[in-house]
Amino acid sequence: MSEPTISRRLQPGFIIVTTDDAIARELKEAAGEDWQVEVVPAIEDAGEWNEILLYRFILLDLEQGAGDPVEQLQRIRREYMINTPVLAFGGDKATWDRVRPEGADRLFERGEITSKLPEFMEALGW
């Protein structure tokens, strides 16, 4: 494991938790070259908690991730104790009702996440 550096911390980036290559590609293209984008099937594949903290936010696919989205949020919030914003997308009302109390900060329809991405990149791009 490499030690986080100040220059790496200043590099804006986000994590996409999905197994859907099409949505991952679409989101990476929307992010452009200035943002580092890490695509992983499950949050534990993103590295240790201190490596995850290097990213400004997490996009969590509620339909096509490896593992239950509730378990993914519990790992982020309770096990890793990370308060990085989690923007969840996809799923249905029942899934939204399950992930909201576990720490999903915002919930979006699958078709709207790409259009919402620039808003969060601007807000969290510091």
C-alpha atoms as a PDB file:
ATOM      1  CA  MET A   1       0.000   0.000   0.000  1.00  0.00           C
ATOM      2  CA  SER A   2       1.389   3.376  -0.958  1.00  0.00           C
ATOM      3  CA  GLU A   3       1.257   6.292   1.427  1.00  0.00           C
ATOM      4  CA  PRO A   4      -1.174   9.050   0.459  1.00  0.00           C
ATOM      5  CA  THR A   5       0.580  12.227  -0.636  1.00  0.00           C
ATOM      6  CA  ILE A   6      -0.579  15.823  -0.532  1.00  0.00           C
ATOM      7  CA  SER A   7      -0.493  16.072  -4.327  1.00  0.00           C
ATOM      8  CA  ARG A   8      -2.625  12.910  -4.621  1.00  0.00           C
ATOM      9  CA  ARG A   9      -5.104  14.291  -2.079  1.00  0.00           C
ATOM     10  CA  LEU A  10      -5.445  17.472  -4.114  1.00  0.00           C
ATOM     11  CA  GLN A  11      -6.162  15.468  -7.302  1.00  0.00           C
ATOM     12  CA  PRO A  12      -9.968  15.337  -7.601  1.00  0.00           C
ATOM     13  CA  GLY A  13     -11.446  11.909  -8.090  1.00  0.00           C
ATOM     14  CA  PHE A  14     -14.374   9.661  -7.318  1.00  0.00           C
ATOM     15  CA  ILE A  15     -15.139   5.957  -7.062  1.00  0.00           C
ATOM     16  CA  ILE A  16     -17.832   4.180  -9.062  1.00  0.00           C
ATOM     17  CA  VAL A  17     -19.039   0.935  -7.490  1.00  0.00           C
ATOM     18  CA  THR A  18     -20.569  -1.010 -10.374  1.00  0.00           C
ATOM     19  CA  THR A  19     -20.181  -4.047 -12.592  1.00  0.00           C
ATOM     20  CA  ASP A  20     -21.924  -2.292 -15.494  1.00  0.00           C
ATOM     21  CA  ASP A  21     -19.170  -1.422 -17.981  1.00  0.00           C
ATOM     22  CA  ALA A  22     -21.477   0.802 -20.063  1.00  0.00           C
ATOM     23  CA  ILE A  23     -22.461   3.125 -17.187  1.00  0.00           C
ATOM     24  CA  ALA A  24     -18.871   3.171 -15.921  1.00  0.00           C
ATOM     25  CA  ARG A  25     -17.607   4.230 -19.343  1.00  0.00           C
ATOM     26  CA  GLU A  26     -20.343   6.873 -19.643  1.00  0.00           C
ATOM     27  CA  LEU A  27     -19.531   8.357 -16.225  1.00  0.00           C
ATOM     28  CA  LYS A  28     -15.782   8.321 -16.866  1.00  0.00           C
ATOM     29  CA  GLU A  29     -16.298  10.173 -20.152  1.00  0.00           C
ATOM     30  CA  ALA A  30     -18.527  12.718 -18.413  1.00  0.00           C
ATOM     31  CA  ALA A  31     -15.846  13.283 -15.762  1.00  0.00           C
ATOM     32  CA  GLY A  32     -13.196  14.220 -18.297  1.00  0.00           C
ATOM     33  CA  GLU A  33      -9.448  13.948 -17.936  1.00  0.00           C
ATOM     34  CA  ASP A  34      -9.029  16.228 -14.914  1.00  0.00           C
ATOM     35  CA  TRP A  35     -10.716  13.798 -12.542  1.00  0.00           C
ATOM     36  CA  GLN A  36      -9.321  10.451 -11.437  1.00  0.00           C
ATOM     37  CA  VAL A  37     -12.075   7.841 -11.653  1.00  0.00           C
ATOM     38  CA  GLU A  38     -11.745   4.423 -10.017  1.00  0.00           C
ATOM     39  CA  VAL A  39     -14.256   1.757 -11.074  1.00  0.00           C
ATOM     40  CA  VAL A  40     -14.633  -1.212  -8.720  1.00  0.00           C
ATOM     41  CA  PRO A  41     -17.214  -4.015  -8.423  1.00  0.00           C
ATOM     42  CA  ALA A  42     -17.362  -3.626  -4.607  1.00  0.00           C
ATOM     43  CA  ILE A  43     -16.086  -0.955  -2.216  1.00  0.00           C
ATOM     44  CA  GLU A  44     -13.555  -3.328  -0.652  1.00  0.00           C
ATOM     45  CA  ASP A  45     -11.841  -3.478  -4.066  1.00  0.00           C
ATOM     46  CA  ALA A  46     -11.065   0.266  -3.841  1.00  0.00           C
ATOM     47  CA  GLY A  47      -8.338  -0.301  -1.262  1.00  0.00           C
ATOM     48  CA  GLU A  48      -7.893   0.411   2.402  1.00  0.00           C
ATOM     49  CA  TRP A  49     -10.014   3.057   4.141  1.00  0.00           C
ATOM     50  CA  ASN A  50      -7.234   5.651   3.899  1.00  0.00           C
ATOM     51  CA  GLU A  51      -7.013   5.145   0.136  1.00  0.00           C
ATOM     52  CA  ILE A  52     -10.786   5.567  -0.221  1.00  0.00           C
ATOM     53  CA  LEU A  53     -10.529   8.867   1.668  1.00  0.00           C
ATOM     54  CA  LEU A  54      -8.488  10.264  -1.231  1.00  0.00           C
ATOM     55  CA  TYR A  55     -11.664  10.415  -3.345  1.00  0.00           C
ATOM     56  CA  ARG A  56     -14.206  13.241  -3.138  1.00  0.00           C
ATOM     57  CA  PHE A  57     -17.335  11.063  -3.450  1.00  0.00           C
ATOM     58  CA  ILE A  58     -18.589   7.555  -4.225  1.00  0.00           C
ATOM     59  CA  LEU A  59     -21.172   6.603  -6.857  1.00  0.00           C
ATOM     60  CA  LEU A  60     -22.927   3.402  -5.801  1.00  0.00           C
ATOM     61  CA  ASP A  61     -24.850   1.393  -8.402  1.00  0.00           C
ATOM     62  CA  LEU A  62     -27.819  -0.142  -6.578  1.00  0.00           C
ATOM     63  CA  GLU A  63     -28.539  -2.592  -9.379  1.00  0.00           C
ATOM     64  CA  GLN A  64     -25.235  -3.855 -10.715  1.00  0.00           C
ATOM     65  CA  GLY A  65     -22.626  -3.908  -8.009  1.00  0.00           C
ATOM     66  CA  ALA A  66     -20.939  -6.932  -6.509  1.00  0.00           C
ATOM     67  CA  GLY A  67     -22.816  -7.550  -3.310  1.00  0.00           C
ATOM     68  CA  ASP A  68     -25.810  -6.130  -1.550  1.00  0.00           C
ATOM     69  CA  PRO A  69     -25.893  -2.301  -1.624  1.00  0.00           C
ATOM     70  CA  VAL A  70     -26.883  -2.196   2.055  1.00  0.00           C
ATOM     71  CA  GLU A  71     -23.786  -4.223   2.935  1.00  0.00           C
ATOM     72  CA  GLN A  72     -21.669  -1.921   0.773  1.00  0.00           C
ATOM     73  CA  LEU A  73     -22.970   1.134   2.650  1.00  0.00           C
ATOM     74  CA  GLN A  74     -22.498  -0.565   6.015  1.00  0.00           C
ATOM     75  CA  ARG A  75     -18.896  -1.302   5.084  1.00  0.00           C
ATOM     76  CA  ILE A  76     -18.319   2.346   4.097  1.00  0.00           C
ATOM     77  CA  ARG A  77     -20.103   3.923   7.070  1.00  0.00           C
ATOM     78  CA  ARG A  78     -19.633   1.461   9.924  1.00  0.00           C
ATOM     79  CA  GLU A  79     -16.597  -0.664   9.168  1.00  0.00           C
ATOM     80  CA  TYR A  80     -14.418   1.955   7.459  1.00  0.00           C
ATOM     81  CA  MET A  81     -16.145   4.861   9.276  1.00  0.00           C
ATOM     82  CA  ILE A  82     -15.931   7.013   6.156  1.00  0.00           C
ATOM     83  CA  ASN A  83     -18.195  10.023   5.753  1.00  0.00           C
ATOM     84  CA  THR A  84     -17.392  10.607   2.067  1.00  0.00           C
ATOM     85  CA  PRO A  85     -20.615  11.474   0.188  1.00  0.00           C
ATOM     86  CA  VAL A  86     -22.287   8.413  -1.344  1.00  0.00           C
ATOM     87  CA  LEU A  87     -24.490   9.124  -4.347  1.00  0.00           C
ATOM     88  CA  ALA A  88     -26.560   6.038  -5.106  1.00  0.00           C
ATOM     89  CA  PHE A  89     -28.279   5.428  -8.413  1.00  0.00           C
ATOM     90  CA  GLY A  90     -30.638   2.884  -9.920  1.00  0.00           C
ATOM     91  CA  GLY A  91     -32.767   0.489  -7.968  1.00  0.00           C
ATOM     92  CA  ASP A  92     -36.390   0.759  -6.996  1.00  0.00           C
ATOM     93  CA  LYS A  93     -38.289   2.382  -4.127  1.00  0.00           C
ATOM     94  CA  ALA A  94     -37.807  -0.657  -1.878  1.00  0.00           C
ATOM     95  CA  THR A  95     -34.041  -0.556  -2.416  1.00  0.00           C
ATOM     96  CA  TRP A  96     -33.976   3.200  -1.806  1.00  0.00           C
ATOM     97  CA  ASP A  97     -35.856   2.657   1.463  1.00  0.00           C
ATOM     98  CA  ARG A  98     -33.204   0.108   2.503  1.00  0.00           C
ATOM     99  CA  VAL A  99     -30.123   2.197   1.641  1.00  0.00           C
ATOM    100  CA  ARG A 100     -31.284   5.610   2.822  1.00  0.00           C
ATOM    101  CA  PRO A 101     -30.951   4.831   6.570  1.00  0.00           C
ATOM    102  CA  GLU A 102     -27.596   3.128   5.955  1.00  0.00           C
ATOM    103  CA  GLY A 103     -25.985   6.332   4.738  1.00  0.00           C
ATOM    104  CA  ALA A 104     -26.810   6.944   1.074  1.00  0.00           C
ATOM    105  CA  ASP A 105     -26.593  10.730   0.846  1.00  0.00           C
ATOM    106  CA  ARG A 106     -28.474  11.194  -2.428  1.00  0.00           C
ATOM    107  CA  LEU A 107     -30.524   8.821  -4.597  1.00  0.00           C
ATOM    108  CA  PHE A 108     -30.961   9.127  -8.352  1.00  0.00           C
ATOM    109  CA  GLU A 109     -32.694   7.261 -11.123  1.00  0.00           C
ATOM    110  CA  ARG A 110     -30.247   5.331 -13.282  1.00  0.00           C
ATOM    111  CA  GLY A 111     -30.907   7.555 -16.280  1.00  0.00           C
ATOM    112  CA  GLU A 112     -30.188  10.811 -14.453  1.00  0.00           C
ATOM    113  CA  ILE A 113     -26.867  10.098 -12.731  1.00  0.00           C
ATOM    114  CA  THR A 114     -24.713  11.168 -15.694  1.00  0.00           C
ATOM    115  CA  SER A 115     -26.497  14.514 -16.006  1.00  0.00           C
ATOM    116  CA  LYS A 116     -26.155  15.130 -12.234  1.00  0.00           C
ATOM    117  CA  LEU A 117     -22.425  14.321 -12.185  1.00  0.00           C
ATOM    118  CA  PRO A 118     -21.152  17.813 -13.220  1.00  0.00           C
ATOM    119  CA  GLU A 119     -23.091  19.376 -10.345  1.00  0.00           C
ATOM    120  CA  PHE A 120     -21.286  17.201  -7.796  1.00  0.00           C
ATOM    121  CA  MET A 121     -17.929  17.568  -9.504  1.00  0.00           C
ATOM    122  CA  GLU A 122     -18.276  21.344  -9.216  1.00  0.00           C
ATOM    123  CA  ALA A 123     -19.485  21.267  -5.622  1.00  0.00           C
ATOM    124  CA  LEU A 124     -16.822  18.799  -4.458  1.00  0.00           C
ATOM    125  CA  GLY A 125     -13.991  19.813  -6.769  1.00  0.00           C
ATOM    126  CA  TRP A 126     -12.311  22.188  -4.328  1.00  0.00           C
END
